[in-house]
Amino acid sequence: MLRTAFAFMVFEEIFAITSGGPGDTTWVASWYTYQHAFSYLEIGVGAAAAYIMTLVVALVTTIYILVIYRRVEYA
Protein backbone atom coordinates (compact mmCIF):
# COMPACT_ATOMS: atom_id res chain seq x y z
CA MET A 1 0.00 0.00 0.00
CA LEU A 2 2.79 2.42 0.85
CA ARG A 3 4.77 1.57 -2.27
CA THR A 4 1.73 2.38 -4.39
CA ALA A 5 1.33 5.75 -2.70
CA PHE A 6 5.06 6.48 -3.00
CA ALA A 7 4.96 5.63 -6.71
CA PHE A 8 2.62 8.56 -7.24
CA MET A 9 4.92 10.90 -5.32
CA VAL A 10 8.15 10.30 -7.25
CA PHE A 11 9.45 13.78 -7.98
CA GLU A 12 12.92 14.43 -6.56
CA GLU A 13 14.68 11.96 -8.84
CA ILE A 14 13.12 13.45 -11.96
CA PHE A 15 13.82 17.01 -10.87
CA ALA A 16 17.42 16.34 -9.87
CA ILE A 17 18.46 14.15 -12.80
CA THR A 18 16.52 15.26 -15.88
CA SER A 19 14.34 18.27 -14.94
CA GLY A 20 11.51 16.65 -16.85
CA GLY A 21 13.63 15.00 -19.49
CA PRO A 22 13.98 16.02 -23.10
CA GLY A 23 10.64 17.60 -23.87
CA ASP A 24 7.97 15.97 -21.75
CA THR A 25 9.24 12.40 -21.88
CA THR A 26 9.66 12.06 -18.11
CA TRP A 27 6.06 12.88 -17.31
CA VAL A 28 4.48 11.85 -14.00
CA ALA A 29 1.57 13.35 -12.10
CA SER A 30 3.71 15.06 -9.46
CA TRP A 31 5.90 16.66 -12.15
CA TYR A 32 2.78 17.93 -13.91
CA THR A 33 1.57 19.46 -10.64
CA TYR A 34 4.91 21.15 -9.96
CA GLN A 35 5.29 22.42 -13.50
CA HIS A 36 1.87 24.04 -13.65
CA ALA A 37 2.05 25.50 -10.15
CA PHE A 38 5.57 26.93 -10.22
CA SER A 39 6.88 27.04 -13.80
CA TYR A 40 3.75 28.28 -15.55
CA LEU A 41 2.46 30.12 -12.43
CA GLU A 42 -0.94 28.46 -12.74
CA ILE A 43 -1.43 27.88 -9.02
CA GLY A 44 -5.08 26.85 -9.39
CA VAL A 45 -4.29 24.17 -11.97
CA GLY A 46 -1.44 22.85 -9.83
CA ALA A 47 -3.65 22.75 -6.73
CA ALA A 48 -6.43 20.99 -8.63
CA ALA A 49 -3.98 18.44 -10.02
CA ALA A 50 -2.61 17.78 -6.52
CA TYR A 51 -6.14 17.36 -5.17
CA ILE A 52 -7.10 14.91 -7.93
CA MET A 53 -3.84 13.00 -7.41
CA THR A 54 -4.71 12.72 -3.71
CA LEU A 55 -8.17 11.36 -4.56
CA VAL A 56 -6.68 8.83 -6.99
CA VAL A 57 -4.17 7.61 -4.39
CA ALA A 58 -6.95 7.34 -1.79
CA LEU A 59 -9.16 5.38 -4.22
CA VAL A 60 -6.36 3.00 -5.21
CA THR A 61 -5.45 2.49 -1.54
CA THR A 62 -9.07 1.78 -0.58
CA ILE A 63 -9.48 -0.76 -3.38
CA TYR A 64 -6.18 -2.36 -2.41
CA ILE A 65 -7.25 -2.71 1.22
CA LEU A 66 -10.65 -4.13 0.27
CA VAL A 67 -9.14 -6.73 -2.06
CA ILE A 68 -6.22 -7.80 0.12
CA TYR A 69 -7.89 -7.84 3.51
CA ARG A 70 -11.24 -9.38 2.69
CA ARG A 71 -12.28 -12.21 4.92
CA VAL A 72 -12.68 -15.69 3.60
CA GLU A 73 -15.16 -17.81 5.53
CA TYR A 74 -15.47 -21.53 5.01
CA ALA A 75 -18.68 -23.36 5.75
PDB file of N, CA and C in Angstrom:
ATOM      1  N   MET A   1       0.829  -1.179   0.000  1.00  0.00           N
ATOM      2  CA  MET A   1       0.000   0.000   0.000  1.00  0.00           C
ATOM      3  C   MET A   1       0.884   1.256   0.000  1.00  0.00           C
ATOM      4  N   LEU A   2       1.915   1.262   0.811  1.00  0.00           N
ATOM      5  CA  LEU A   2       2.795   2.424   0.851  1.00  0.00           C
ATOM      6  C   LEU A   2       3.591   2.589  -0.435  1.00  0.00           C
ATOM      7  N   ARG A   3       4.025   1.474  -1.006  1.00  0.00           N
ATOM      8  CA  ARG A   3       4.770   1.574  -2.267  1.00  0.00           C
ATOM      9  C   ARG A   3       3.911   2.145  -3.385  1.00  0.00           C
ATOM     10  N   THR A   4       2.634   1.821  -3.390  1.00  0.00           N
ATOM     11  CA  THR A   4       1.731   2.375  -4.390  1.00  0.00           C
ATOM     12  C   THR A   4       1.596   3.877  -4.199  1.00  0.00           C
ATOM     13  N   ALA A   5       1.434   4.318  -2.971  1.00  0.00           N
ATOM     14  CA  ALA A   5       1.329   5.753  -2.695  1.00  0.00           C
ATOM     15  C   ALA A   5       2.631   6.468  -3.037  1.00  0.00           C
ATOM     16  N   PHE A   6       3.773   5.856  -2.712  1.00  0.00           N
ATOM     17  CA  PHE A   6       5.056   6.484  -3.000  1.00  0.00           C
ATOM     18  C   PHE A   6       5.333   6.538  -4.499  1.00  0.00           C
ATOM     19  N   ALA A   7       4.775   5.611  -5.261  1.00  0.00           N
ATOM     20  CA  ALA A   7       4.965   5.634  -6.715  1.00  0.00           C
ATOM     21  C   ALA A   7       4.331   6.869  -7.330  1.00  0.00           C
ATOM     22  N   PHE A   8       3.252   7.351  -6.747  1.00  0.00           N
ATOM     23  CA  PHE A   8       2.619   8.564  -7.243  1.00  0.00           C
ATOM     24  C   PHE A   8       3.407   9.813  -6.854  1.00  0.00           C
ATOM     25  N   MET A   9       4.230   9.725  -5.824  1.00  0.00           N
ATOM     26  CA  MET A   9       4.919  10.896  -5.316  1.00  0.00           C
ATOM     27  C   MET A   9       6.363  11.010  -5.794  1.00  0.00           C
ATOM     28  N   VAL A  10       6.776  10.237  -6.771  1.00  0.00           N
ATOM     29  CA  VAL A  10       8.147  10.304  -7.254  1.00  0.00           C
ATOM     30  C   VAL A  10       8.339  11.660  -7.939  1.00  0.00           C
ATOM     31  N   PHE A  11       9.223  12.460  -7.417  1.00  0.00           N
ATOM     32  CA  PHE A  11       9.455  13.781  -7.982  1.00  0.00           C
ATOM     33  C   PHE A  11      10.923  14.176  -7.912  1.00  0.00           C
ATOM     34  N   GLU A  12      11.570  13.946  -6.778  1.00  0.00           N
ATOM     35  CA  GLU A  12      12.924  14.433  -6.562  1.00  0.00           C
ATOM     36  C   GLU A  12      13.907  13.873  -7.576  1.00  0.00           C
ATOM     37  N   GLU A  13      13.761  12.580  -7.895  1.00  0.00           N
ATOM     38  CA  GLU A  13      14.681  11.963  -8.839  1.00  0.00           C
ATOM     39  C   GLU A  13      14.564  12.608 -10.218  1.00  0.00           C
ATOM     40  N   ILE A  14      13.344  12.846 -10.646  1.00  0.00           N
ATOM     41  CA  ILE A  14      13.122  13.449 -11.957  1.00  0.00           C
ATOM     42  C   ILE A  14      13.649  14.872 -11.982  1.00  0.00           C
ATOM     43  N   PHE A  15      13.380  15.628 -10.935  1.00  0.00           N
ATOM     44  CA  PHE A  15      13.816  17.013 -10.875  1.00  0.00           C
ATOM     45  C   PHE A  15      15.336  17.119 -10.816  1.00  0.00           C
ATOM     46  N   ALA A  16      15.978  16.262 -10.037  1.00  0.00           N
ATOM     47  CA  ALA A  16      17.424  16.339  -9.874  1.00  0.00           C
ATOM     48  C   ALA A  16      18.184  15.832 -11.095  1.00  0.00           C
ATOM     49  N   ILE A  17      17.694  14.774 -11.722  1.00  0.00           N
ATOM     50  CA  ILE A  17      18.461  14.153 -12.797  1.00  0.00           C
ATOM     51  C   ILE A  17      18.149  14.759 -14.160  1.00  0.00           C
ATOM     52  N   THR A  18      16.860  14.867 -14.514  1.00  0.00           N
ATOM     53  CA  THR A  18      16.523  15.260 -15.884  1.00  0.00           C
ATOM     54  C   THR A  18      15.746  16.557 -15.997  1.00  0.00           C
ATOM     55  N   SER A  19      15.212  17.076 -14.905  1.00  0.00           N
ATOM     56  CA  SER A  19      14.339  18.267 -14.937  1.00  0.00           C
ATOM     57  C   SER A  19      13.197  18.085 -15.932  1.00  0.00           C
ATOM     58  N   GLY A  20      12.629  16.930 -15.961  1.00  0.00           N
ATOM     59  CA  GLY A  20      11.509  16.652 -16.847  1.00  0.00           C
ATOM     60  C   GLY A  20      11.901  15.936 -18.111  1.00  0.00           C
ATOM     61  N   GLY A  21      13.177  15.738 -18.318  1.00  0.00           N
ATOM     62  CA  GLY A  21      13.634  15.003 -19.487  1.00  0.00           C
ATOM     63  C   GLY A  21      13.612  15.844 -20.739  1.00  0.00           C
ATOM     64  N   PRO A  22      14.063  15.285 -21.836  1.00  0.00           N
ATOM     65  CA  PRO A  22      13.979  16.021 -23.096  1.00  0.00           C
ATOM     66  C   PRO A  22      12.520  16.151 -23.517  1.00  0.00           C
ATOM     67  N   GLY A  23      12.063  17.363 -23.586  1.00  0.00           N
ATOM     68  CA  GLY A  23      10.644  17.596 -23.869  1.00  0.00           C
ATOM     69  C   GLY A  23       9.822  17.239 -22.651  1.00  0.00           C
ATOM     70  N   ASP A  24       8.813  16.437 -22.844  1.00  0.00           N
ATOM     71  CA  ASP A  24       7.966  15.970 -21.747  1.00  0.00           C
ATOM     72  C   ASP A  24       8.025  14.453 -21.613  1.00  0.00           C
ATOM     73  N   THR A  25       9.166  13.855 -21.891  1.00  0.00           N
ATOM     74  CA  THR A  25       9.241  12.398 -21.884  1.00  0.00           C
ATOM     75  C   THR A  25       9.225  11.807 -20.483  1.00  0.00           C
ATOM     76  N   THR A  26       9.684  12.558 -19.482  1.00  0.00           N
ATOM     77  CA  THR A  26       9.664  12.062 -18.113  1.00  0.00           C
ATOM     78  C   THR A  26       8.460  12.659 -17.412  1.00  0.00           C
ATOM     79  N   TRP A  27       7.281  12.294 -17.826  1.00  0.00           N
ATOM     80  CA  TRP A  27       6.062  12.885 -17.309  1.00  0.00           C
ATOM     81  C   TRP A  27       5.432  11.975 -16.258  1.00  0.00           C
ATOM     82  N   VAL A  28       5.233  12.517 -15.063  1.00  0.00           N
ATOM     83  CA  VAL A  28       4.480  11.852 -14.004  1.00  0.00           C
ATOM     84  C   VAL A  28       3.553  12.891 -13.401  1.00  0.00           C
ATOM     85  N   ALA A  29       2.588  12.443 -12.621  1.00  0.00           N
ATOM     86  CA  ALA A  29       1.575  13.349 -12.096  1.00  0.00           C
ATOM     87  C   ALA A  29       2.163  14.418 -11.184  1.00  0.00           C
ATOM     88  N   SER A  30       3.131  14.061 -10.349  1.00  0.00           N
ATOM     89  CA  SER A  30       3.713  15.060  -9.457  1.00  0.00           C
ATOM     90  C   SER A  30       4.528  16.102 -10.228  1.00  0.00           C
ATOM     91  N   TRP A  31       5.169  15.700 -11.317  1.00  0.00           N
ATOM     92  CA  TRP A  31       5.900  16.662 -12.151  1.00  0.00           C
ATOM     93  C   TRP A  31       4.928  17.614 -12.836  1.00  0.00           C
ATOM     94  N   TYR A  32       3.812  17.099 -13.306  1.00  0.00           N
ATOM     95  CA  TYR A  32       2.778  17.933 -13.915  1.00  0.00           C
ATOM     96  C   TYR A  32       2.276  18.978 -12.922  1.00  0.00           C
ATOM     97  N   THR A  33       2.031  18.558 -11.678  1.00  0.00           N
ATOM     98  CA  THR A  33       1.566  19.463 -10.639  1.00  0.00           C
ATOM     99  C   THR A  33       2.592  20.557 -10.371  1.00  0.00           C
ATOM    100  N   TYR A  34       3.840  20.178 -10.216  1.00  0.00           N
ATOM    101  CA  TYR A  34       4.905  21.148  -9.962  1.00  0.00           C
ATOM    102  C   TYR A  34       5.055  22.123 -11.122  1.00  0.00           C
ATOM    103  N   GLN A  35       5.056  21.591 -12.330  1.00  0.00           N
ATOM    104  CA  GLN A  35       5.287  22.418 -13.503  1.00  0.00           C
ATOM    105  C   GLN A  35       4.192  23.466 -13.667  1.00  0.00           C
ATOM    106  N   HIS A  36       2.951  23.071 -13.493  1.00  0.00           N
ATOM    107  CA  HIS A  36       1.866  24.035 -13.651  1.00  0.00           C
ATOM    108  C   HIS A  36       1.828  25.036 -12.503  1.00  0.00           C
ATOM    109  N   ALA A  37       2.129  24.593 -11.296  1.00  0.00           N
ATOM    110  CA  ALA A  37       2.046  25.499 -10.153  1.00  0.00           C
ATOM    111  C   ALA A  37       3.196  26.496 -10.128  1.00  0.00           C
ATOM    112  N   PHE A  38       4.416  26.061 -10.422  1.00  0.00           N
ATOM    113  CA  PHE A  38       5.569  26.930 -10.224  1.00  0.00           C
ATOM    114  C   PHE A  38       6.238  27.398 -11.508  1.00  0.00           C
ATOM    115  N   SER A  39       6.246  26.600 -12.556  1.00  0.00           N
ATOM    116  CA  SER A  39       6.884  27.037 -13.799  1.00  0.00           C
ATOM    117  C   SER A  39       5.953  27.921 -14.623  1.00  0.00           C
ATOM    118  N   TYR A  40       4.702  27.507 -14.752  1.00  0.00           N
ATOM    119  CA  TYR A  40       3.745  28.276 -15.546  1.00  0.00           C
ATOM    120  C   TYR A  40       2.956  29.270 -14.700  1.00  0.00           C
ATOM    121  N   LEU A  41       3.159  29.251 -13.384  1.00  0.00           N
ATOM    122  CA  LEU A  41       2.458  30.118 -12.430  1.00  0.00           C
ATOM    123  C   LEU A  41       0.941  29.989 -12.514  1.00  0.00           C
ATOM    124  N   GLU A  42       0.493  28.776 -12.763  1.00  0.00           N
ATOM    125  CA  GLU A  42      -0.941  28.464 -12.741  1.00  0.00           C
ATOM    126  C   GLU A  42      -1.216  27.712 -11.448  1.00  0.00           C
ATOM    127  N   ILE A  43      -1.307  28.467 -10.353  1.00  0.00           N
ATOM    128  CA  ILE A  43      -1.430  27.877  -9.023  1.00  0.00           C
ATOM    129  C   ILE A  43      -2.722  27.077  -8.893  1.00  0.00           C
ATOM    130  N   GLY A  44      -3.797  27.557  -9.468  1.00  0.00           N
ATOM    131  CA  GLY A  44      -5.076  26.847  -9.388  1.00  0.00           C
ATOM    132  C   GLY A  44      -5.034  25.491 -10.070  1.00  0.00           C
ATOM    133  N   VAL A  45      -4.407  25.433 -11.249  1.00  0.00           N
ATOM    134  CA  VAL A  45      -4.293  24.167 -11.975  1.00  0.00           C
ATOM    135  C   VAL A  45      -3.405  23.196 -11.198  1.00  0.00           C
ATOM    136  N   GLY A  46      -2.310  23.703 -10.622  1.00  0.00           N
ATOM    137  CA  GLY A  46      -1.439  22.852  -9.828  1.00  0.00           C
ATOM    138  C   GLY A  46      -2.133  22.317  -8.589  1.00  0.00           C
ATOM    139  N   ALA A  47      -2.920  23.186  -7.922  1.00  0.00           N
ATOM    140  CA  ALA A  47      -3.653  22.750  -6.731  1.00  0.00           C
ATOM    141  C   ALA A  47      -4.725  21.730  -7.091  1.00  0.00           C
ATOM    142  N   ALA A  48      -5.411  21.951  -8.194  1.00  0.00           N
ATOM    143  CA  ALA A  48      -6.433  20.994  -8.626  1.00  0.00           C
ATOM    144  C   ALA A  48      -5.813  19.657  -8.996  1.00  0.00           C
ATOM    145  N   ALA A  49      -4.663  19.683  -9.661  1.00  0.00           N
ATOM    146  CA  ALA A  49      -3.983  18.438 -10.018  1.00  0.00           C
ATOM    147  C   ALA A  49      -3.521  17.691  -8.768  1.00  0.00           C
ATOM    148  N   ALA A  50      -3.021  18.419  -7.770  1.00  0.00           N
ATOM    149  CA  ALA A  50      -2.608  17.779  -6.521  1.00  0.00           C
ATOM    150  C   ALA A  50      -3.805  17.177  -5.795  1.00  0.00           C
ATOM    151  N   TYR A  51      -4.932  17.864  -5.812  1.00  0.00           N
ATOM    152  CA  TYR A  51      -6.140  17.355  -5.169  1.00  0.00           C
ATOM    153  C   TYR A  51      -6.632  16.085  -5.863  1.00  0.00           C
ATOM    154  N   ILE A  52      -6.661  16.092  -7.176  1.00  0.00           N
ATOM    155  CA  ILE A  52      -7.103  14.913  -7.933  1.00  0.00           C
ATOM    156  C   ILE A  52      -6.127  13.760  -7.727  1.00  0.00           C
ATOM    157  N   MET A  53      -4.824  14.054  -7.671  1.00  0.00           N
ATOM    158  CA  MET A  53      -3.842  13.005  -7.414  1.00  0.00           C
ATOM    159  C   MET A  53      -4.056  12.393  -6.031  1.00  0.00           C
ATOM    160  N   THR A  54      -4.410  13.224  -5.050  1.00  0.00           N
ATOM    161  CA  THR A  54      -4.709  12.716  -3.712  1.00  0.00           C
ATOM    162  C   THR A  54      -5.928  11.809  -3.731  1.00  0.00           C
ATOM    163  N   LEU A  55      -6.964  12.195  -4.456  1.00  0.00           N
ATOM    164  CA  LEU A  55      -8.165  11.356  -4.562  1.00  0.00           C
ATOM    165  C   LEU A  55      -7.866  10.028  -5.254  1.00  0.00           C
ATOM    166  N   VAL A  56      -7.037  10.055  -6.282  1.00  0.00           N
ATOM    167  CA  VAL A  56      -6.679   8.826  -6.990  1.00  0.00           C
ATOM    168  C   VAL A  56      -5.902   7.892  -6.071  1.00  0.00           C
ATOM    169  N   VAL A  57      -4.944   8.431  -5.324  1.00  0.00           N
ATOM    170  CA  VAL A  57      -4.170   7.606  -4.391  1.00  0.00           C
ATOM    171  C   VAL A  57      -5.080   7.031  -3.316  1.00  0.00           C
ATOM    172  N   ALA A  58      -6.009   7.829  -2.802  1.00  0.00           N
ATOM    173  CA  ALA A  58      -6.947   7.337  -1.789  1.00  0.00           C
ATOM    174  C   ALA A  58      -7.842   6.238  -2.355  1.00  0.00           C
ATOM    175  N   LEU A  59      -8.303   6.391  -3.583  1.00  0.00           N
ATOM    176  CA  LEU A  59      -9.156   5.382  -4.215  1.00  0.00           C
ATOM    177  C   LEU A  59      -8.386   4.086  -4.446  1.00  0.00           C
ATOM    178  N   VAL A  60      -7.175   4.189  -4.966  1.00  0.00           N
ATOM    179  CA  VAL A  60      -6.361   2.996  -5.207  1.00  0.00           C
ATOM    180  C   VAL A  60      -6.050   2.299  -3.891  1.00  0.00           C
ATOM    181  N   THR A  61      -5.748   3.068  -2.852  1.00  0.00           N
ATOM    182  CA  THR A  61      -5.453   2.487  -1.544  1.00  0.00           C
ATOM    183  C   THR A  61      -6.673   1.787  -0.963  1.00  0.00           C
ATOM    184  N   THR A  62      -7.841   2.396  -1.089  1.00  0.00           N
ATOM    185  CA  THR A  62      -9.068   1.782  -0.583  1.00  0.00           C
ATOM    186  C   THR A  62      -9.371   0.474  -1.307  1.00  0.00           C
ATOM    187  N   ILE A  63      -9.244   0.468  -2.616  1.00  0.00           N
ATOM    188  CA  ILE A  63      -9.478  -0.755  -3.384  1.00  0.00           C
ATOM    189  C   ILE A  63      -8.467  -1.825  -2.988  1.00  0.00           C
ATOM    190  N   TYR A  64      -7.227  -1.422  -2.822  1.00  0.00           N
ATOM    191  CA  TYR A  64      -6.183  -2.362  -2.414  1.00  0.00           C
ATOM    192  C   TYR A  64      -6.502  -2.989  -1.064  1.00  0.00           C
ATOM    193  N   ILE A  65      -6.923  -2.187  -0.118  1.00  0.00           N
ATOM    194  CA  ILE A  65      -7.250  -2.708   1.216  1.00  0.00           C
ATOM    195  C   ILE A  65      -8.449  -3.644   1.148  1.00  0.00           C
ATOM    196  N   LEU A  66      -9.464  -3.283   0.373  1.00  0.00           N
ATOM    197  CA  LEU A  66     -10.653  -4.133   0.269  1.00  0.00           C
ATOM    198  C   LEU A  66     -10.334  -5.471  -0.388  1.00  0.00           C
ATOM    199  N   VAL A  67      -9.465  -5.485  -1.353  1.00  0.00           N
ATOM    200  CA  VAL A  67      -9.138  -6.729  -2.055  1.00  0.00           C
ATOM    201  C   VAL A  67      -8.213  -7.612  -1.217  1.00  0.00           C
ATOM    202  N   ILE A  68      -7.218  -7.016  -0.608  1.00  0.00           N
ATOM    203  CA  ILE A  68      -6.223  -7.802   0.124  1.00  0.00           C
ATOM    204  C   ILE A  68      -6.754  -8.307   1.459  1.00  0.00           C
ATOM    205  N   TYR A  69      -7.489  -7.482   2.154  1.00  0.00           N
ATOM    206  CA  TYR A  69      -7.891  -7.842   3.513  1.00  0.00           C
ATOM    207  C   TYR A  69      -9.326  -8.336   3.639  1.00  0.00           C
ATOM    208  N   ARG A  70      -9.895  -8.833   2.566  1.00  0.00           N
ATOM    209  CA  ARG A  70     -11.241  -9.381   2.686  1.00  0.00           C
ATOM    210  C   ARG A  70     -11.189 -10.711   3.436  1.00  0.00           C
ATOM    211  N   ARG A  71     -12.240 -10.979   4.130  1.00  0.00           N
ATOM    212  CA  ARG A  71     -12.285 -12.207   4.916  1.00  0.00           C
ATOM    213  C   ARG A  71     -12.820 -13.361   4.089  1.00  0.00           C
ATOM    214  N   VAL A  72     -12.228 -14.493   4.266  1.00  0.00           N
ATOM    215  CA  VAL A  72     -12.681 -15.694   3.601  1.00  0.00           C
ATOM    216  C   VAL A  72     -13.250 -16.612   4.680  1.00  0.00           C
ATOM    217  N   GLU A  73     -14.512 -16.931   4.534  1.00  0.00           N
ATOM    218  CA  GLU A  73     -15.165 -17.807   5.525  1.00  0.00           C
ATOM    219  C   GLU A  73     -15.511 -19.123   4.846  1.00  0.00           C
ATOM    220  N   TYR A  74     -15.173 -20.203   5.525  1.00  0.00           N
ATOM    221  CA  TYR A  74     -15.469 -21.530   5.007  1.00  0.00           C
ATOM    222  C   TYR A  74     -16.629 -22.113   5.801  1.00  0.00           C
ATOM    223  N   ALA A  75     -17.502 -22.786   5.110  1.00  0.00           N
ATOM    224  CA  ALA A  75     -18.679 -23.364   5.749  1.00  0.00           C
ATOM    225  C   ALA A  75     -18.395 -24.574   6.553  1.00  0.00           C
TER     226      ALA A  75
END
